[in-house]
């Protein structure tokens, strides 16, 4: 602060005297050479000539306080909250019981909501909306997108087992990409890969589609089914399997894969059993060493699907239960020893077994149907269930048979030539005394004698050993 001093010399008395008291003291400045004088016995005085009174006038005093600057508080940055990433839960694979059913979906009122009229299977399938029954209902004529949507809707039911009926390379159906979408949304499933790619017949199987494509649409044609190219067919199926395996497994690491759903057992007599064995050798060998794939990593399978019709699959008579049982034991042993690194100790599901015979006489007629169904239950259904419960268990003769699905809930549909394909001798569900194909749903929900035996069957350890063992 700038201070200005003003001095005023004031006259003082010539004789010494005490400085009068003043109300406001005036600063006194003494010269360095002031000589004090004293009157004897008198007070001490200063030499008046050297006394100067300097009244001090301060301009701007007292000082106006300078405002203290208020410190602007430093803004503390609020730490950005880092969101803790939510861990993606690992899907839990579904545990399937041993007892299943093959459902052509002709009885739309039979669903899991009512246990398929009391059958109460652990699992069921319907050929993945790409098979012959879907075609009978117009689904196969629909776009792949529509079929994929139908598959996705069905998979909302945990008991539903999806199937890739045939590769989309040769048949309309589910692409690997569409299958992956459903697998991601509904994880933990068993996927049945292909249905009867080993046979060419009337269109009810994948083999018919493969043969038609490679003999008619490819130049030069490839004759996989001429009897001399079974290993090559197996390799082709392995390449198609890998397309689906890679796509689905990337979407759902817990997915399991059960190929190939062949019609013939490896133990079938003559050329039929040899055919199946050669297809499996070609298939398993390529999975173990997929040299033509960009990724040469071996691809596994998690289980095996087979069909076991006494007459068609095993070469037995429909009433020869012992013959079928021996054929199943031989087939079980083949998978344990023929390609052990690929197929040994893997669950084996029999996804189709039954009596492929007309229930009515003539086919489609209700006449004679109950009698035909009672015969099937007596000679096939009940003996098979009894044998399975005793032998398809740990320590039994066929411990890796972990699943058994009966064909079917109901199957009676028109052939392309207008005749009736009647398999009602194997029906689990009773449509009543009406002709088929049916045009309306049955008014009552009841089981045939076959269905009654199937519903009553129990087996505590038939899903063991393996991941589905309770």
Protein backbone atom coordinates (compact mmCIF):
# COMPACT_ATOMS: atom_id res chain seq x y z
CA UNK A 1 0.00 0.00 0.00
CA UNK A 2 1.32 3.56 -0.86
CA UNK A 3 1.74 5.66 2.22
CA UNK A 4 2.30 9.57 2.19
CA UNK A 5 3.86 11.22 5.24
CA UNK A 6 3.42 14.98 6.01
CA UNK A 7 5.65 16.72 8.66
CA UNK A 8 4.48 19.79 10.51
CA UNK A 9 6.97 21.65 12.72
CA UNK A 10 5.18 22.97 15.76
CA UNK A 11 6.68 25.72 18.10
CA UNK A 12 7.47 24.58 21.56
CA UNK A 13 8.22 26.33 24.89
CA UNK A 14 11.73 27.75 25.41
CA UNK A 15 11.96 26.53 28.92
CA UNK A 16 11.98 22.90 29.78
CA UNK A 17 8.67 21.48 30.75
CA UNK A 18 7.00 18.10 30.84
CA UNK A 19 5.34 17.19 27.70
CA UNK A 20 1.69 17.73 28.18
CA UNK A 21 -0.44 14.67 27.92
CA UNK A 22 -2.32 14.52 24.75
CA UNK A 23 -5.32 12.61 23.82
CA UNK A 24 -3.61 11.04 20.86
CA UNK A 25 0.09 10.46 21.31
CA UNK A 26 2.22 12.07 18.69
CA UNK A 27 5.25 10.10 17.63
CA UNK A 28 8.45 11.73 18.78
CA UNK A 29 11.54 11.60 16.65
CA UNK A 30 14.84 12.14 18.34
CA UNK A 31 17.91 13.37 16.61
CA UNK A 32 20.96 11.24 17.06
CA UNK A 33 22.85 14.29 18.57
CA UNK A 34 20.34 15.47 21.13
CA UNK A 35 22.12 16.51 24.27
CA UNK A 36 20.06 16.19 27.40
CA UNK A 37 20.12 19.00 29.96
CA UNK A 38 18.88 18.92 33.48
CA UNK A 39 17.94 21.45 36.09
CA UNK A 40 19.26 20.37 39.43
CA UNK A 41 16.46 18.95 41.42
CA UNK A 42 14.23 19.44 38.40
CA UNK A 43 12.82 17.12 35.88
CA UNK A 44 14.73 15.65 33.07
CA UNK A 45 14.15 17.62 29.87
CA UNK A 46 15.21 17.49 26.32
CA UNK A 47 16.76 20.37 24.43
CA UNK A 48 13.77 22.09 22.96
CA UNK A 49 15.71 23.14 19.89
CA UNK A 50 15.94 19.61 18.79
CA UNK A 51 12.47 18.49 19.38
CA UNK A 52 10.25 18.06 16.38
CA UNK A 53 6.77 16.84 16.58
CA UNK A 54 5.73 15.03 13.52
CA UNK A 55 2.06 14.52 13.36
CA UNK A 56 1.66 11.62 10.98
CA UNK A 57 -1.14 11.77 8.54
CA UNK A 58 -1.67 8.48 6.64
CA UNK A 59 -3.66 8.66 3.51
CA UNK A 60 -5.63 5.56 3.06
CA UNK A 61 -5.19 4.41 6.62
CA UNK A 62 -6.43 2.27 8.06
CA UNK A 63 -6.03 0.22 4.96
CA UNK A 64 -9.05 -1.12 3.25
CA UNK A 65 -8.69 -4.83 3.46
CA UNK A 66 -7.98 -6.40 0.15
CA UNK A 67 -10.71 -8.90 -0.47
CA UNK A 68 -9.35 -12.33 0.00
CA UNK A 69 -9.96 -14.23 -3.14
CA UNK A 70 -12.21 -17.13 -2.48
CA UNK A 71 -10.51 -20.14 -3.82
CA UNK A 72 -12.57 -21.73 -6.49
CA UNK A 73 -12.89 -25.30 -5.34
CA UNK A 74 -11.16 -27.68 -7.63
CA UNK A 75 -13.78 -29.81 -9.26
CA UNK A 76 -13.18 -33.35 -8.36
CA UNK A 77 -13.94 -35.55 -11.31
CA UNK A 78 -16.44 -38.16 -10.38
CA UNK A 79 -14.88 -41.48 -11.24
CA UNK A 80 -16.55 -43.14 -14.16
CA UNK A 81 -18.25 -46.21 -12.91
CA UNK A 82 -17.09 -49.18 -14.88
CA UNK A 83 -19.90 -51.59 -15.33
CA UNK A 84 -19.05 -55.02 -14.04
CA UNK A 85 -19.50 -57.33 -16.98
CA UNK A 86 -22.30 -59.77 -16.47
CA UNK A 87 -21.00 -63.27 -16.84
CA UNK A 88 -22.80 -65.23 -19.50
CA UNK A 89 -24.21 -68.26 -17.76
CA UNK A 90 -22.92 -71.55 -19.07
CA UNK A 91 -25.82 -73.51 -20.52
CA UNK A 92 -26.63 -76.73 -18.76
CA UNK A 93 -27.10 -79.68 -21.13
CA UNK A 94 -30.56 -81.19 -20.94
CA UNK A 95 -30.71 -84.61 -19.33
CA UNK A 96 -32.86 -86.95 -21.36
CA UNK A 97 -34.50 -90.05 -19.99
CA UNK A 98 -34.35 -93.29 -21.94
CA UNK A 99 -37.92 -93.39 -23.30
CA UNK A 100 -38.87 -91.38 -26.40
CA UNK A 101 -41.42 -91.32 -29.18
CA UNK A 102 -41.37 -90.54 -32.88
CA UNK A 103 -44.26 -88.19 -33.59
CA UNK A 104 -45.36 -87.51 -37.19
CA UNK A 105 -47.54 -84.69 -35.77
CA UNK A 106 -50.71 -86.00 -37.42
CA UNK A 107 -52.53 -85.86 -34.10
CA UNK A 108 -52.17 -82.18 -33.33
CA UNK A 109 -54.05 -82.52 -30.05
CA UNK A 110 -51.30 -84.78 -28.65
CA UNK A 111 -48.67 -82.51 -27.11
CA UNK A 112 -46.36 -82.34 -24.12
CA UNK A 113 -49.08 -80.35 -22.34
CA UNK A 114 -51.13 -83.56 -22.02
CA UNK A 115 -48.16 -85.94 -22.08
CA UNK A 116 -49.12 -87.08 -25.59
CA UNK A 117 -52.36 -88.47 -24.23
CA UNK A 118 -50.63 -90.00 -21.25
CA UNK A 119 -47.61 -91.56 -22.95
CA UNK A 120 -45.38 -89.20 -20.95
CA UNK A 121 -42.15 -89.68 -22.93
CA UNK A 122 -38.88 -88.19 -21.77
CA UNK A 123 -38.27 -86.82 -25.27
CA UNK A 124 -39.77 -86.78 -28.73
CA UNK A 125 -38.94 -85.66 -32.25
CA UNK A 126 -40.70 -85.13 -35.57
CA UNK A 127 -37.96 -85.19 -38.23
CA UNK A 128 -37.20 -81.50 -37.90
CA UNK A 129 -39.89 -80.14 -40.22
CA UNK A 130 -37.89 -81.26 -43.22
CA UNK A 131 -38.99 -84.87 -43.53
CA UNK A 132 -41.79 -86.71 -45.30
CA UNK A 133 -44.48 -85.95 -42.73
CA UNK A 134 -43.77 -82.26 -43.03
CA UNK A 135 -44.12 -82.67 -46.78
CA UNK A 136 -47.47 -84.34 -46.28
CA UNK A 137 -48.59 -81.27 -44.39
CA UNK A 138 -47.17 -78.85 -46.95
CA UNK A 139 -44.17 -77.74 -44.90
CA UNK A 140 -41.55 -78.99 -47.34
CA UNK A 141 -42.98 -76.78 -50.04
CA UNK A 142 -42.43 -73.75 -47.81
CA UNK A 143 -39.34 -71.61 -47.78
CA UNK A 144 -36.33 -72.54 -45.71
CA UNK A 145 -36.98 -69.47 -43.56
CA UNK A 146 -40.47 -70.71 -42.68
CA UNK A 147 -39.18 -74.18 -41.88
CA UNK A 148 -36.44 -72.67 -39.72
CA UNK A 149 -39.05 -70.64 -37.84
CA UNK A 150 -41.10 -73.79 -37.22
CA UNK A 151 -38.03 -75.56 -35.86
CA UNK A 152 -37.22 -72.63 -33.56
CA UNK A 153 -40.79 -72.63 -32.22
CA UNK A 154 -40.70 -76.38 -31.54
CA UNK A 155 -37.41 -76.06 -29.65
CA UNK A 156 -39.10 -73.89 -27.04
CA UNK A 157 -40.18 -77.24 -25.60
CA UNK A 158 -37.18 -78.77 -23.75
CA UNK A 159 -38.45 -82.30 -24.46
CA UNK A 160 -38.25 -81.70 -28.21
CA UNK A 161 -35.17 -83.19 -29.90
CA UNK A 162 -34.26 -81.37 -33.13
CA UNK A 163 -33.24 -83.25 -36.24
CA UNK A 164 -31.38 -82.25 -39.38
CA UNK A 165 -33.38 -84.57 -41.63
CA UNK A 166 -30.99 -84.16 -44.56
CA UNK A 167 -28.32 -81.76 -45.71
CA UNK A 168 -29.65 -78.54 -47.22
CA UNK A 169 -27.32 -79.17 -50.18
CA UNK A 170 -29.78 -81.71 -51.60
CA UNK A 171 -33.11 -81.07 -49.85
CA UNK A 172 -35.10 -78.13 -48.66
CA UNK A 173 -34.74 -77.82 -44.95
CA UNK A 174 -32.57 -76.31 -42.27
CA UNK A 175 -29.25 -74.71 -43.19
CA UNK A 176 -26.31 -74.82 -40.77
CA UNK A 177 -26.75 -71.08 -40.18
CA UNK A 178 -30.46 -71.42 -39.36
CA UNK A 179 -29.75 -74.37 -37.10
CA UNK A 180 -27.15 -72.29 -35.26
CA UNK A 181 -29.73 -69.58 -34.55
CA UNK A 182 -32.04 -72.11 -32.88
CA UNK A 183 -29.12 -73.74 -31.04
CA UNK A 184 -28.05 -70.39 -29.58
CA UNK A 185 -31.59 -69.63 -28.40
CA UNK A 186 -32.20 -73.13 -27.01
CA UNK A 187 -28.90 -74.62 -25.84
CA UNK A 188 -28.10 -77.98 -24.33
CA UNK A 189 -29.91 -80.18 -26.88
CA UNK A 190 -29.15 -83.45 -28.58
CA UNK A 191 -29.25 -82.98 -32.36
CA UNK A 192 -30.15 -85.98 -34.52
CA UNK A 193 -28.10 -85.62 -37.70
CA UNK A 194 -29.73 -87.11 -40.83
CA UNK A 195 -32.43 -89.71 -41.27
CA UNK A 196 -31.78 -92.89 -43.26
CA UNK A 197 -29.07 -91.56 -45.59
CA UNK A 198 -28.16 -95.20 -46.26
CA UNK A 199 -31.19 -96.13 -48.36
CA UNK A 200 -32.98 -95.06 -51.50
CA UNK A 201 -36.69 -95.79 -51.53
CA UNK A 202 -39.86 -93.74 -51.84
CA UNK A 203 -38.72 -90.37 -50.56
CA UNK A 204 -39.13 -91.01 -46.85
CA UNK A 205 -35.39 -90.79 -46.34
CA UNK A 206 -32.37 -88.60 -46.88
CA UNK A 207 -30.70 -91.15 -49.17
CA UNK A 208 -33.35 -90.65 -51.85
CA UNK A 209 -32.56 -86.92 -51.94
CA UNK A 210 -28.79 -87.44 -52.09
CA UNK A 211 -29.09 -89.98 -54.87
CA UNK A 212 -31.44 -87.81 -56.94
CA UNK A 213 -29.14 -84.81 -56.65
CA UNK A 214 -25.89 -86.56 -57.51
CA UNK A 215 -27.24 -88.66 -60.35
CA UNK A 216 -29.36 -85.96 -62.00
CA UNK A 217 -28.11 -82.52 -60.98
CA UNK A 218 -24.34 -83.09 -61.03
CA UNK A 219 -22.16 -83.50 -64.11
CA UNK A 220 -20.49 -85.93 -64.18
CA UNK A 221 -22.91 -87.82 -61.92
CA UNK A 222 -21.80 -89.58 -58.75
CA UNK A 223 -23.37 -92.94 -58.03
CA UNK A 224 -23.08 -93.23 -54.27
CA UNK A 225 -25.77 -95.92 -54.16
CA UNK A 226 -24.58 -98.29 -56.89
CA UNK A 227 -23.16 -100.70 -54.32
CA UNK A 228 -19.49 -99.86 -54.84
CA UNK A 229 -19.23 -96.40 -53.27
CA UNK A 230 -20.42 -96.89 -49.68
CA UNK A 231 -17.19 -95.59 -48.08
CA UNK A 232 -17.37 -92.54 -50.34
CA UNK A 233 -20.96 -91.98 -49.25
CA UNK A 234 -19.76 -92.15 -45.64
CA UNK A 235 -17.09 -89.53 -46.37
CA UNK A 236 -19.65 -87.29 -48.08
CA UNK A 237 -21.96 -87.57 -45.05
CA UNK A 238 -19.04 -86.71 -42.75
CA UNK A 239 -18.33 -83.52 -44.73
CA UNK A 240 -21.98 -82.51 -44.45
CA UNK A 241 -22.00 -83.41 -40.77
CA UNK A 242 -19.02 -81.12 -40.18
CA UNK A 243 -20.89 -78.18 -41.73
CA UNK A 244 -23.65 -78.56 -39.16
CA UNK A 245 -21.35 -79.53 -36.31
CA UNK A 246 -19.14 -76.46 -36.68
CA UNK A 247 -22.06 -74.01 -36.98
CA UNK A 248 -24.15 -75.43 -34.14
CA UNK A 249 -21.20 -76.02 -31.81
CA UNK A 250 -20.03 -72.42 -32.25
CA UNK A 251 -23.50 -71.24 -31.23
CA UNK A 252 -23.94 -73.73 -28.39
CA UNK A 253 -20.83 -75.42 -26.95
CA UNK A 254 -23.09 -77.78 -24.97
CA UNK A 255 -24.88 -79.18 -28.05
CA UNK A 256 -24.55 -82.93 -28.66
CA UNK A 257 -24.62 -84.70 -32.01
CA UNK A 258 -26.07 -88.13 -32.78
CA UNK A 259 -25.65 -89.28 -36.42
CA UNK A 260 -26.64 -91.03 -38.73
CA UNK A 261 -30.08 -92.56 -38.20
CA UNK A 262 -29.43 -95.39 -40.64
CA UNK A 263 -32.19 -97.82 -41.57
CA UNK A 264 -29.98 -100.89 -41.55
CA UNK A 265 -28.20 -102.32 -38.54
CA UNK A 266 -24.50 -103.08 -39.02
CA UNK A 267 -25.42 -106.67 -38.15
CA UNK A 268 -28.08 -107.00 -40.87
CA UNK A 269 -27.57 -110.08 -43.03
CA UNK A 270 -25.68 -110.03 -46.32
CA UNK A 271 -25.07 -106.85 -48.27
CA UNK A 272 -27.29 -104.72 -46.04
CA UNK A 273 -25.06 -105.07 -42.99
CA UNK A 274 -21.92 -104.70 -45.14
CA UNK A 275 -23.33 -101.50 -46.59
CA UNK A 276 -23.87 -100.01 -43.15
CA UNK A 277 -20.44 -100.97 -41.93
CA UNK A 278 -18.70 -99.46 -44.96
CA UNK A 279 -20.67 -96.23 -44.64
CA UNK A 280 -19.64 -95.98 -41.01
CA UNK A 281 -16.00 -96.71 -41.78
CA UNK A 282 -15.96 -93.89 -44.35
CA UNK A 283 -17.82 -91.54 -42.02
CA UNK A 284 -15.74 -92.16 -38.89
CA UNK A 285 -12.42 -92.17 -40.76
CA UNK A 286 -13.07 -88.74 -42.22
CA UNK A 287 -14.18 -87.28 -38.89
CA UNK A 288 -10.91 -88.48 -37.38
CA UNK A 289 -8.83 -86.98 -40.21
CA UNK A 290 -10.80 -84.28 -42.09
CA UNK A 291 -8.06 -83.46 -44.58
CA UNK A 292 -10.28 -81.55 -47.02
CA UNK A 293 -11.51 -79.11 -44.37
CA UNK A 294 -9.88 -75.72 -43.76
CA UNK A 295 -9.61 -76.81 -40.13
CA UNK A 296 -8.04 -80.27 -39.92
CA UNK A 297 -9.06 -80.76 -36.29
CA UNK A 298 -10.85 -84.10 -35.80
CA UNK A 299 -14.57 -83.72 -35.16
CA UNK A 300 -16.21 -85.92 -32.56
CA UNK A 301 -19.68 -87.29 -32.25
CA UNK A 302 -21.48 -87.52 -28.92
CA UNK A 303 -23.77 -90.42 -29.64
CA UNK A 304 -25.18 -92.66 -32.37
CA UNK A 305 -28.72 -92.91 -33.73
CA UNK A 306 -29.96 -96.14 -35.32
CA UNK A 307 -33.22 -97.70 -36.49
CA UNK A 308 -34.21 -101.21 -35.43
CA UNK A 309 -37.22 -102.50 -37.32
CA UNK A 310 -37.15 -106.29 -37.00
CA UNK A 311 -37.81 -106.98 -40.67
CA UNK A 312 -36.32 -103.99 -42.47
CA UNK A 313 -33.35 -103.16 -40.21
CA UNK A 314 -32.35 -106.57 -38.84
CA UNK A 315 -33.65 -109.07 -41.38
CA UNK A 316 -35.76 -110.82 -38.75
CA UNK A 317 -39.39 -111.82 -38.68
CA UNK A 318 -41.66 -109.35 -36.94
CA UNK A 319 -42.43 -111.92 -34.23
CA UNK A 320 -38.83 -113.13 -33.80
CA UNK A 321 -37.85 -111.21 -30.68
CA UNK A 322 -34.71 -113.27 -30.11
CA UNK A 323 -33.41 -112.53 -33.61
CA UNK A 324 -33.84 -108.78 -33.06
CA UNK A 325 -32.13 -108.94 -29.68
CA UNK A 326 -29.09 -110.72 -31.12
CA UNK A 327 -28.88 -108.23 -33.96
CA UNK A 328 -28.91 -105.36 -31.46
CA UNK A 329 -26.15 -106.98 -29.38
CA UNK A 330 -23.96 -107.37 -32.49
CA UNK A 331 -24.60 -103.79 -33.56
CA UNK A 332 -23.74 -102.51 -30.08
CA UNK A 333 -20.45 -104.43 -30.19
CA UNK A 334 -19.60 -103.10 -33.65
CA UNK A 335 -19.58 -99.53 -32.40
CA UNK A 336 -17.34 -100.46 -29.48
CA UNK A 337 -14.65 -102.06 -31.63
CA UNK A 338 -14.80 -101.00 -35.29
CA UNK A 339 -13.91 -97.31 -34.87
CA UNK A 340 -13.11 -97.15 -31.16
CA UNK A 341 -11.61 -93.65 -31.14
CA UNK A 342 -14.80 -92.26 -32.66
CA UNK A 343 -17.70 -94.46 -31.60
CA UNK A 344 -16.72 -96.51 -28.54
CA UNK A 345 -18.52 -95.85 -25.24
CA UNK A 346 -20.93 -93.39 -26.88
CA UNK A 347 -24.66 -93.43 -26.09
CA UNK A 348 -26.72 -95.21 -28.73
CA UNK A 349 -30.31 -94.17 -29.28
CA UNK A 350 -32.72 -96.42 -31.16
CA UNK A 351 -34.79 -93.61 -32.65
CA UNK A 352 -37.19 -95.82 -34.62
CA UNK A 353 -38.53 -99.25 -33.81
CA UNK A 354 -41.97 -100.65 -34.55
CA UNK A 355 -44.05 -102.70 -36.93
CA UNK A 356 -44.21 -101.14 -40.39
CA UNK A 357 -47.41 -102.91 -41.36
CA UNK A 358 -50.89 -101.77 -42.25
CA UNK A 359 -53.31 -101.81 -39.38
CA UNK A 360 -56.44 -101.81 -41.51
CA UNK A 361 -57.60 -104.16 -44.20
CA UNK A 362 -57.56 -102.63 -46.76
CA UNK A 363 -54.96 -100.00 -45.74
CA UNK A 364 -56.64 -96.97 -44.22
CA UNK A 365 -59.69 -98.93 -43.12
CA UNK A 366 -60.54 -99.27 -39.42
CA UNK A 367 -61.35 -102.96 -40.01
CA UNK A 368 -58.91 -105.24 -38.24
CA UNK A 369 -56.85 -102.39 -36.75
CA UNK A 370 -57.28 -103.25 -33.04
CA UNK A 371 -56.32 -106.86 -33.75
CA UNK A 372 -53.17 -105.83 -35.62
CA UNK A 373 -52.16 -103.51 -32.80
CA UNK A 374 -52.68 -106.21 -30.16
CA UNK A 375 -50.46 -108.54 -32.19
CA UNK A 376 -47.68 -105.93 -32.35
CA UNK A 377 -47.84 -105.36 -28.59
CA UNK A 378 -47.61 -109.09 -27.89
CA UNK A 379 -44.80 -110.13 -30.25
CA UNK A 380 -42.69 -106.95 -30.38
CA UNK A 381 -43.47 -104.13 -27.96
CA UNK A 382 -43.61 -106.01 -24.67
CA UNK A 383 -40.68 -108.39 -25.36
CA UNK A 384 -38.50 -105.46 -26.49
CA UNK A 385 -39.31 -103.37 -23.40
CA UNK A 386 -38.60 -106.29 -21.07
CA UNK A 387 -35.27 -107.07 -22.78
CA UNK A 388 -34.21 -103.43 -22.90
CA UNK A 389 -34.84 -102.87 -19.18
CA UNK A 390 -32.74 -105.96 -18.35
CA UNK A 391 -29.83 -105.48 -20.77
CA UNK A 392 -29.53 -101.76 -21.64
CA UNK A 393 -28.17 -100.97 -18.19
CA UNK A 394 -24.71 -100.79 -16.62
CA UNK A 395 -23.37 -104.33 -16.53
CA UNK A 396 -25.86 -105.49 -19.16
CA UNK A 397 -25.06 -106.91 -22.59
CA UNK A 398 -25.80 -103.57 -24.31
CA UNK A 399 -25.02 -100.89 -21.69
CA UNK A 400 -24.61 -98.07 -24.20
CA UNK A 401 -28.14 -98.34 -25.51
CA UNK A 402 -29.41 -95.32 -23.61
CA UNK A 403 -32.50 -94.31 -25.60
CA UNK A 404 -35.46 -96.03 -27.22
CA UNK A 405 -38.15 -94.27 -29.28
CA UNK A 406 -41.19 -96.10 -30.65
CA UNK A 407 -42.47 -95.43 -34.16
CA UNK A 408 -44.99 -93.85 -33.92
CA UNK A 409 -47.81 -91.92 -32.29
CA UNK A 410 -49.89 -92.31 -35.47
CA UNK A 411 -48.95 -92.61 -39.14
CA UNK A 412 -51.42 -92.99 -41.99
CA UNK A 413 -50.97 -90.75 -45.04
CA UNK A 414 -51.42 -90.74 -48.80
CA UNK A 415 -48.72 -91.92 -51.17
CA UNK A 416 -47.94 -89.85 -54.28
CA UNK A 417 -49.92 -92.35 -56.38
CA UNK A 418 -53.03 -91.91 -54.25
CA UNK A 419 -52.72 -95.15 -52.31
CA UNK A 420 -52.59 -95.12 -48.52
CA UNK A 421 -49.40 -95.65 -46.53
CA UNK A 422 -50.90 -97.22 -43.42
CA UNK A 423 -48.59 -97.96 -40.48
CA UNK A 424 -51.33 -97.99 -37.85
CA UNK A 425 -50.38 -101.51 -36.71
CA UNK A 426 -47.66 -99.64 -34.78
CA UNK A 427 -49.78 -96.74 -33.45
CA UNK A 428 -49.32 -95.67 -29.85
CA UNK A 429 -52.43 -93.49 -29.93
CA UNK A 430 -55.94 -94.63 -30.83
CA UNK A 431 -57.75 -92.65 -33.52
CA UNK A 432 -60.93 -94.68 -33.02
CA UNK A 433 -63.00 -96.63 -35.57
CA UNK A 434 -62.48 -94.19 -38.42
CA UNK A 435 -60.73 -94.41 -41.77
CA UNK A 436 -57.44 -92.66 -42.28
CA UNK A 437 -55.88 -90.34 -43.24
CA UNK A 438 -57.98 -88.57 -40.65
CA UNK A 439 -59.71 -85.31 -41.47
CA UNK A 440 -60.68 -84.34 -37.90
CA UNK A 441 -59.02 -84.91 -34.56
CA UNK A 442 -60.36 -87.82 -32.47
CA UNK A 443 -63.00 -86.78 -29.94
CA UNK A 444 -61.35 -88.83 -27.19
CA UNK A 445 -57.73 -89.08 -26.16
CA UNK A 446 -56.85 -92.69 -25.55
CA UNK A 447 -53.93 -95.02 -26.09
CA UNK A 448 -53.79 -98.26 -28.04
CA UNK A 449 -52.67 -101.44 -26.32
CA UNK A 450 -49.18 -100.63 -27.65
CA UNK A 451 -49.39 -97.17 -26.10
CA UNK A 452 -50.52 -98.61 -22.79
CA UNK A 453 -47.47 -100.88 -22.64
CA UNK A 454 -45.18 -98.01 -23.62
CA UNK A 455 -46.60 -95.66 -21.01
CA UNK A 456 -46.27 -98.28 -18.26
CA UNK A 457 -42.63 -99.18 -19.01
CA UNK A 458 -40.05 -98.11 -16.44
CA UNK A 459 -36.29 -98.45 -16.14
CA UNK A 460 -34.31 -96.61 -13.47
CA UNK A 461 -30.86 -96.92 -15.09
CA UNK A 462 -31.51 -97.37 -18.82
CA UNK A 463 -30.04 -93.89 -19.49
CA UNK A 464 -26.78 -95.01 -17.85
CA UNK A 465 -23.88 -94.88 -18.24
CA UNK A 466 -23.44 -91.51 -19.89
CA UNK A 467 -24.32 -87.85 -19.48
CA UNK A 468 -28.05 -88.52 -19.18
CA UNK A 469 -27.68 -90.90 -16.25
CA UNK A 470 -29.85 -89.54 -13.41
